[in-house]
Protein backbone atom coordinates (compact mmCIF):
# COMPACT_ATOMS: atom_id res chain seq x y z
CA MET A 1 7.14 -13.90 12.60
CA ILE A 2 6.88 -10.81 14.82
CA PHE A 3 5.60 -8.82 11.84
CA ILE A 4 3.05 -11.53 10.99
CA ALA A 5 1.86 -11.48 14.61
CA SER A 6 1.47 -7.70 14.36
CA VAL A 7 -0.55 -8.01 11.15
CA LEU A 8 -2.80 -10.53 12.92
CA ASP A 9 -3.48 -7.96 15.65
CA PRO A 10 -6.66 -6.26 14.41
CA ARG A 11 -5.50 -3.02 16.04
CA ASN A 12 -2.41 -2.99 13.80
CA LYS A 13 -2.76 -4.90 10.52
CA PHE A 14 -0.48 -3.97 7.62
CA GLU A 15 -0.99 -0.23 8.01
CA TYR A 16 0.83 -0.15 11.32
CA VAL A 17 3.51 -2.61 10.22
CA GLU A 18 4.23 -0.64 7.06
CA GLY A 19 4.48 2.65 8.93
CA ALA A 20 6.66 1.16 11.65
CA LEU A 21 9.01 -0.45 9.10
CA GLU A 22 9.37 2.85 7.24
CA GLU A 23 10.16 4.62 10.51
CA LEU A 24 12.69 1.98 11.52
CA PHE A 25 14.46 1.41 8.20
CA GLY A 26 13.63 4.42 6.06
CA GLU A 27 11.06 4.63 3.32
CA GLU A 28 12.76 2.56 0.59
CA LYS A 29 14.03 -0.31 2.75
CA GLY A 30 10.83 -0.24 4.86
CA LYS A 31 8.69 -0.72 1.74
CA LYS A 32 10.91 -3.58 0.60
CA ILE A 33 10.66 -5.37 3.95
CA ASN A 34 6.91 -4.71 4.06
CA ALA A 35 6.53 -6.32 0.61
CA GLU A 36 8.46 -9.35 1.89
CA VAL A 37 6.21 -9.56 4.97
CA TYR A 38 3.13 -9.27 2.74
CA ALA A 39 4.41 -12.02 0.42
CA TYR A 40 5.21 -14.27 3.39
CA MET A 41 1.79 -13.61 4.91
CA ASN A 42 0.13 -14.58 1.62
CA SER A 43 2.28 -17.71 1.39
CA LEU A 44 1.46 -18.69 4.96
CA PHE A 45 -2.24 -18.02 4.35
CA GLY A 46 -2.03 -20.20 1.22
CA GLU A 47 -0.60 -23.06 3.27
CA TYR A 48 -3.43 -22.77 5.81
CA LEU A 49 -5.94 -22.44 2.98
CA ASN A 50 -4.76 -25.74 1.54
CA LYS A 51 -4.81 -27.37 4.96
CA TYR A 52 -8.16 -26.11 6.29
CA SER A 53 -10.32 -25.12 3.33
CA THR A 54 -13.38 -27.10 2.32
CA GLU A 55 -14.05 -28.12 -1.26
CA SER A 56 -17.33 -26.17 -1.26
CA CYS A 57 -15.64 -22.83 -0.63
CA PRO A 58 -12.39 -22.55 -2.62
CA GLN A 59 -10.38 -19.38 -2.24
CA SER A 60 -7.00 -18.34 -3.47
CA PRO A 61 -4.42 -16.31 -1.60
CA SER A 62 -4.18 -12.71 -2.67
CA SER A 63 -1.41 -11.40 -4.85
CA SER A 64 1.79 -10.23 -3.28
CA THR A 65 1.57 -6.58 -4.23
CA SER A 66 1.81 -3.99 -1.52
CA SER A 67 0.31 -0.54 -1.28
CA ASN A 68 2.50 2.41 -2.06
CA ASN A 69 2.06 4.55 1.02
CA THR A 70 4.74 7.15 1.51
CA SER A 71 6.18 8.58 4.68
CA ASN A 72 7.69 12.04 4.85
CA THR A 73 8.85 11.60 8.44
CA PRO A 74 12.62 11.69 8.88
CA SER A 75 14.14 8.26 9.38
CA GLY A 76 15.62 7.54 12.77
CA SER A 77 13.36 9.83 14.79
CA VAL A 78 11.67 8.49 17.90
CA ILE A 79 7.93 8.35 17.33
CA SER A 80 5.06 7.03 19.43
CA ALA A 81 2.64 4.32 18.36
CA SER A 82 -0.29 6.73 18.57
CA LYS A 83 1.45 9.18 16.25
CA ILE A 84 2.07 6.38 13.72
CA ARG A 85 -1.57 5.27 13.99
CA THR A 86 -2.78 8.83 13.38
CA LYS A 87 -0.58 9.23 10.29
CA LEU A 88 -1.69 5.88 8.93
CA SER A 89 -5.34 6.67 9.55
CA LEU A 90 -5.01 9.85 7.48
CA LYS A 91 -3.20 7.97 4.70
CA LYS A 92 -5.90 5.30 4.62
CA GLN A 93 -8.63 7.95 4.28
CA LYS A 94 -6.81 9.48 1.30
CA GLU A 95 -6.25 6.09 -0.38
CA ASP A 96 -9.69 4.61 0.27
CA ASN A 97 -10.75 3.70 -3.25
CA GLY A 98 -12.63 0.42 -2.69
CA SER A 99 -12.19 -2.69 -4.77
CA GLY A 100 -14.53 -5.20 -6.31
CA GLY A 101 -14.37 -8.87 -7.12
CA ALA A 102 -13.86 -11.92 -5.00
CA LYS A 103 -11.64 -11.43 -1.99
CA SER A 104 -9.90 -13.98 0.16
CA GLU A 105 -10.33 -13.98 3.92
CA LEU A 106 -6.94 -12.33 4.18
CA ASP A 107 -7.91 -9.54 1.78
CA LYS A 108 -11.19 -8.97 3.63
CA TYR A 109 -9.43 -8.87 7.01
CA ILE A 110 -6.77 -6.47 5.78
CA SER A 111 -9.28 -4.17 4.09
CA GLU A 112 -11.44 -3.78 7.19
CA GLU A 113 -10.85 -0.90 9.58
CA GLN A 114 -8.45 -1.43 12.44
CA GLU A 115 -9.91 -2.01 15.89
CA PRO A 116 -9.52 0.94 18.26
CA PHE A 117 -6.51 0.69 20.55
CA SER A 118 -7.32 -0.43 24.08
CA GLU A 119 -5.11 -1.76 26.87
CA GLU A 120 -7.85 -4.26 27.81
CA PHE A 121 -8.04 -5.70 24.27
CA ASP A 122 -7.86 -9.52 24.21
CA ILE A 123 -6.56 -10.57 20.82
CA LEU A 124 -7.29 -14.28 21.28
CA SER A 125 -10.90 -13.54 22.26
CA TRP A 126 -11.22 -11.30 19.20
CA TRP A 127 -10.09 -14.12 16.91
CA LYS A 128 -12.38 -16.61 18.67
CA THR A 129 -15.34 -14.26 18.22
CA HIS A 130 -14.51 -13.58 14.56
CA ALA A 131 -13.67 -17.20 13.64
CA PRO A 132 -16.98 -17.65 11.76
CA ARG A 133 -16.05 -14.74 9.44
CA PHE A 134 -12.39 -15.74 9.13
CA PRO A 135 -12.21 -19.50 9.75
CA ILE A 136 -8.85 -20.13 8.09
CA LEU A 137 -7.24 -16.91 9.25
CA SER A 138 -8.36 -17.59 12.81
CA GLU A 139 -6.52 -20.94 12.69
CA LEU A 140 -3.43 -19.14 11.44
CA ALA A 141 -3.76 -16.47 14.14
CA ARG A 142 -4.21 -19.08 16.86
CA ASP A 143 -0.99 -20.83 15.81
CA VAL A 144 1.11 -17.71 15.25
CA LEU A 145 -0.03 -15.90 18.39
CA ALA A 146 0.72 -18.98 20.50
CA ILE A 147 4.44 -18.67 19.71
CA PRO A 148 6.23 -17.11 22.70
CA ILE A 149 8.25 -14.11 21.58
CA SER A 150 11.43 -14.13 23.62
CA SER A 151 15.15 -14.04 23.01
CA VAL A 152 15.97 -15.42 26.46
CA ALA A 153 16.54 -19.14 26.77
CA SER A 154 13.98 -20.74 29.06
CA GLU A 155 16.74 -22.05 31.35
CA CYS A 156 18.08 -18.50 31.82
CA ALA A 157 14.64 -17.07 32.47
CA LEU A 158 13.97 -19.56 35.25
CA ALA A 159 17.41 -19.35 36.91
């Protein structure tokens, strides 16, 4: 779920997740995990689509294929988030080939440019503002981003 939450951060999306996974696990395993995250994201979006979609606007979840970005950075090296973002921005410029046809909300969201990084960024406000463009995805984001990410039991945290 942490990867899904990162994808739902418009400053990250799949580009950041893919690059981070490749840095953490190496290129081959990172791509495999990224494909699993992409497939799970599509599955989750499909569930929300079935739950929240209206009959007048049917959409289908996108296919579970992932892009084939490559990373030539040695695995295991410590790398900053800004360095990863810069690399991914350059990769995206090289791969930008556009696509036609009907796109789901998820496809449209993923294909849009990432938001610039800012410490003051309020992700929940962003999703509230963009809910008219992404009504189903905003419901998904609201639910996923409301999950507290912690490995400490609440009793231990309050003791």
